[in-house]
Every structure is written in C-alpha cells, then in structure tokens.
Amino acid sequence: MAGFLDRFREQIVNSIRREAPVSPAARIDDKIALGVLLRMVAKADTKFLPAEKEQIRQVLQEYAGLEAEDLAVVLEAVRQAEHESIDLFAFTHEISQGLPYQRKREIIEILFRLACVDRDLAHEEYEIIRKISGLFGLDHRDFIDAKIKVKKEFGLDTSGL
C-alpha cells in the first residue's frame, strides 16, 4: 500500500511536470512532510496568518534547502494535503522512519518557532506539537527544552515551565 508521501509525490510532481520540467532526481518527500507538519501547526488555532505562511516558505527554503522551482511543487502539495484526511499517527510514523533523533528535535523546534511567530503559543498549536513530539518518540524533556528555547528566542514568558 502506497503511503501518503508516495501518492503525493506521484500526483503533484506529475502534474507540475506537465507545466514545467522538474528534475527527476529531486527528492521532495521529506520537504512535503515538513511542510504538511508546519501547515498543521499553523492552522491548529484556526488562524493562518501571513507571518505563518511566510515562515513556512522560509523554513522550506532555508532549513530544507529547496530551490524556487521545487518550493512551488512542495507548497502546492502541502496546500492539497489540506483536502486529505491525514491520520497524524500513520503520517508521523511514515515520515519518522530512519529520521535521526536530533533531526526530530530540530523539527519540533521549527514547529514551535512557527507557532510563536505571532508572539502567542496557542493551546491548539501547543497540543499538536506535543502530539507530534510524542509520535516522534522524543523524550518529554527534549520537548520542554525546545519549547523553552523557542519561547525565549521570541521573548515570551517562560515562567512556570
């Protein structure tokens, strides 16, 4: 049974290839997965702000190293993923296979940065990041450390954490 990323890669890359050539060697699965997680967090509080949209673009370009032409493919796949019924457990399991522990910690920090870009870590955003962290198999201490680190970066209150 093909996984979510396999289906999406085939559907999106093939549709984009009709419009413009895309390097067949381009591996965008992990970037789509990261984009989907980012969008899940950004939309968790039912507010999808322009600052969050821009943060997603920046993360995919800088952290994931996407070129402009691949960024368009990934952003379209992420946008279309909204219409899929994504099982967070199965999706997270699929993308975390073979992902080093440190990389998972980095992703949790990235998700917290996105959630804090509006200077407010909404409860819904926090909860989805907590679920993703748990499904990644991260130690709770690493989850809390990531939250504190990012909240300090944004000058947000960390008392009581």
Protein backbone atom coordinates (compact mmCIF):
# COMPACT_ATOMS: atom_id res chain seq x y z
CA MET A 1 0.00 0.00 0.00
CA ALA A 2 1.45 3.29 -1.05
CA GLY A 3 1.99 5.80 1.71
CA PHE A 4 0.74 9.37 1.76
CA LEU A 5 4.08 10.75 0.54
CA ASP A 6 4.34 8.23 -2.30
CA ARG A 7 0.86 9.14 -3.56
CA PHE A 8 1.51 12.84 -3.22
CA ARG A 9 4.89 12.72 -4.92
CA GLU A 10 3.39 10.95 -7.91
CA GLN A 11 0.30 13.18 -8.12
CA ILE A 12 1.99 16.55 -7.59
CA VAL A 13 5.26 16.01 -9.41
CA ASN A 14 3.47 14.57 -12.43
CA SER A 15 1.01 17.48 -12.56
CA ILE A 16 3.85 20.00 -12.27
CA ARG A 17 5.89 18.19 -14.95
CA ARG A 18 3.10 18.88 -17.42
CA GLU A 19 3.59 22.58 -16.79
CA ALA A 20 7.37 22.80 -16.31
CA PRO A 21 10.25 20.36 -16.20
CA VAL A 22 11.16 19.10 -12.74
CA SER A 23 14.36 17.26 -12.04
CA PRO A 24 13.52 13.55 -11.65
CA ALA A 25 16.32 13.32 -9.10
CA ALA A 26 14.60 15.90 -6.89
CA ARG A 27 13.74 14.26 -3.55
CA ILE A 28 10.94 16.28 -2.09
CA ASP A 29 9.21 13.74 0.14
CA ASP A 30 10.75 14.96 3.37
CA LYS A 31 10.13 18.57 2.40
CA ILE A 32 6.46 17.86 1.70
CA ALA A 33 6.22 16.09 5.04
CA LEU A 34 7.83 19.02 6.85
CA GLY A 35 5.53 21.42 5.03
CA VAL A 36 2.45 19.39 5.99
CA LEU A 37 3.50 19.39 9.65
CA LEU A 38 4.15 23.13 9.52
CA ARG A 39 0.76 23.82 7.97
CA MET A 40 -0.98 21.55 10.52
CA VAL A 41 0.54 23.63 13.32
CA ALA A 42 -0.17 26.95 11.60
CA LYS A 43 -3.83 26.09 11.11
CA ALA A 44 -4.33 24.41 14.50
CA ASP A 45 -5.61 27.61 16.09
CA THR A 46 -7.87 28.32 13.08
CA LYS A 47 -5.80 31.43 12.25
CA PHE A 48 -3.46 31.10 9.26
CA LEU A 49 -1.64 34.40 9.38
CA PRO A 50 0.52 35.88 6.61
CA ALA A 51 3.51 35.73 9.01
CA GLU A 52 2.95 31.98 9.41
CA LYS A 53 2.70 31.49 5.66
CA GLU A 54 5.97 33.39 5.18
CA GLN A 55 7.63 31.40 7.99
CA ILE A 56 6.69 28.16 6.22
CA ARG A 57 8.25 29.44 2.98
CA GLN A 58 11.42 30.47 4.82
CA VAL A 59 11.77 27.14 6.62
CA LEU A 60 11.32 25.20 3.40
CA GLN A 61 13.83 27.37 1.57
CA GLU A 62 16.48 27.78 4.27
CA TYR A 63 16.21 24.74 6.53
CA ALA A 64 15.06 22.24 3.92
CA GLY A 65 17.23 23.78 1.19
CA LEU A 66 14.56 23.99 -1.50
CA GLU A 67 15.21 25.83 -4.73
CA ALA A 68 12.48 28.14 -6.04
CA GLU A 69 11.14 25.65 -8.60
CA ASP A 70 10.91 22.83 -6.04
CA LEU A 71 9.39 25.20 -3.48
CA ALA A 72 6.39 25.69 -5.77
CA VAL A 73 5.91 21.91 -6.03
CA VAL A 74 6.15 21.42 -2.28
CA LEU A 75 3.85 24.33 -1.41
CA GLU A 76 1.24 23.03 -3.86
CA ALA A 77 1.47 19.53 -2.36
CA VAL A 78 1.14 20.96 1.14
CA ARG A 79 -1.87 23.04 0.08
CA GLN A 80 -3.52 19.98 -1.46
CA ALA A 81 -2.77 17.92 1.65
CA GLU A 82 -5.36 20.02 3.47
CA HIS A 83 -8.03 18.22 1.49
CA GLU A 84 -6.76 14.80 2.55
CA SER A 85 -7.81 13.13 5.74
CA ILE A 86 -4.38 12.73 7.28
CA ASP A 87 -4.01 10.26 10.12
CA LEU A 88 -1.44 12.04 12.27
CA PHE A 89 -0.26 8.77 13.82
CA ALA A 90 0.31 7.00 10.48
CA PHE A 91 1.71 10.11 8.80
CA THR A 92 4.19 10.84 11.59
CA HIS A 93 5.20 7.17 11.72
CA GLU A 94 5.82 7.18 7.97
CA ILE A 95 8.00 10.29 7.99
CA SER A 96 9.94 9.47 11.15
CA GLN A 97 11.25 6.16 9.83
CA GLY A 98 15.02 6.48 9.66
CA LEU A 99 14.93 10.09 10.83
CA PRO A 100 17.73 10.68 13.35
CA TYR A 101 16.67 11.71 16.85
CA GLN A 102 18.47 15.07 16.55
CA ARG A 103 16.61 15.86 13.34
CA LYS A 104 13.30 15.14 15.11
CA ARG A 105 14.29 17.55 17.89
CA GLU A 106 15.10 20.20 15.28
CA ILE A 107 11.71 19.73 13.64
CA ILE A 108 9.96 20.23 16.98
CA GLU A 109 11.89 23.48 17.47
CA ILE A 110 10.90 24.58 13.95
CA LEU A 111 7.26 23.83 14.73
CA PHE A 112 7.46 25.86 17.95
CA ARG A 113 9.05 28.77 16.04
CA LEU A 114 6.18 28.74 13.60
CA ALA A 115 3.63 28.61 16.43
CA CYS A 116 5.31 31.55 18.17
CA VAL A 117 5.75 33.76 15.10
CA ASP A 118 2.59 35.65 16.11
CA ARG A 119 4.02 36.05 19.65
CA ASP A 120 1.35 33.73 21.04
CA LEU A 121 1.69 29.97 21.51
CA ALA A 122 -1.97 28.97 21.24
CA HIS A 123 -3.12 25.93 23.18
CA GLU A 124 -4.15 24.16 19.95
CA GLU A 125 -0.71 24.72 18.42
CA TYR A 126 0.99 23.51 21.58
CA GLU A 127 -1.14 20.35 21.65
CA ILE A 128 -0.45 19.35 18.07
CA ILE A 129 3.29 19.89 18.56
CA ARG A 130 3.11 17.80 21.73
CA LYS A 131 1.38 15.00 19.81
CA ILE A 132 3.94 15.12 17.01
CA SER A 133 6.77 15.07 19.54
CA GLY A 134 5.29 12.04 21.25
CA LEU A 135 4.73 10.26 17.95
CA PHE A 136 8.35 11.01 17.02
CA GLY A 137 9.33 9.22 20.22
CA LEU A 138 11.04 12.28 21.68
CA ASP A 139 11.79 12.40 25.36
CA HIS A 140 9.41 14.80 27.13
CA ARG A 141 12.41 16.72 28.48
CA ASP A 142 13.55 17.44 24.91
CA PHE A 143 10.05 18.65 24.05
CA ILE A 144 10.02 21.03 27.04
CA ASP A 145 13.57 22.22 26.30
CA ALA A 146 12.56 23.04 22.71
CA LYS A 147 9.51 24.95 23.91
CA ILE A 148 11.52 26.98 26.44
CA LYS A 149 14.32 27.68 23.96
CA VAL A 150 11.94 28.99 21.30
CA LYS A 151 9.80 30.99 23.73
CA LYS A 152 12.99 32.70 24.96
CA GLU A 153 14.00 33.44 21.35
CA PHE A 154 10.69 35.25 20.91
CA GLY A 155 10.86 36.98 24.30
CA LEU A 156 7.80 35.12 25.54
CA ASP A 157 7.10 34.23 29.16
CA THR A 158 8.80 31.03 30.31
CA SER A 159 7.97 31.27 33.99
CA GLY A 160 6.16 28.25 35.30
CA LEU A 161 7.65 25.99 32.65
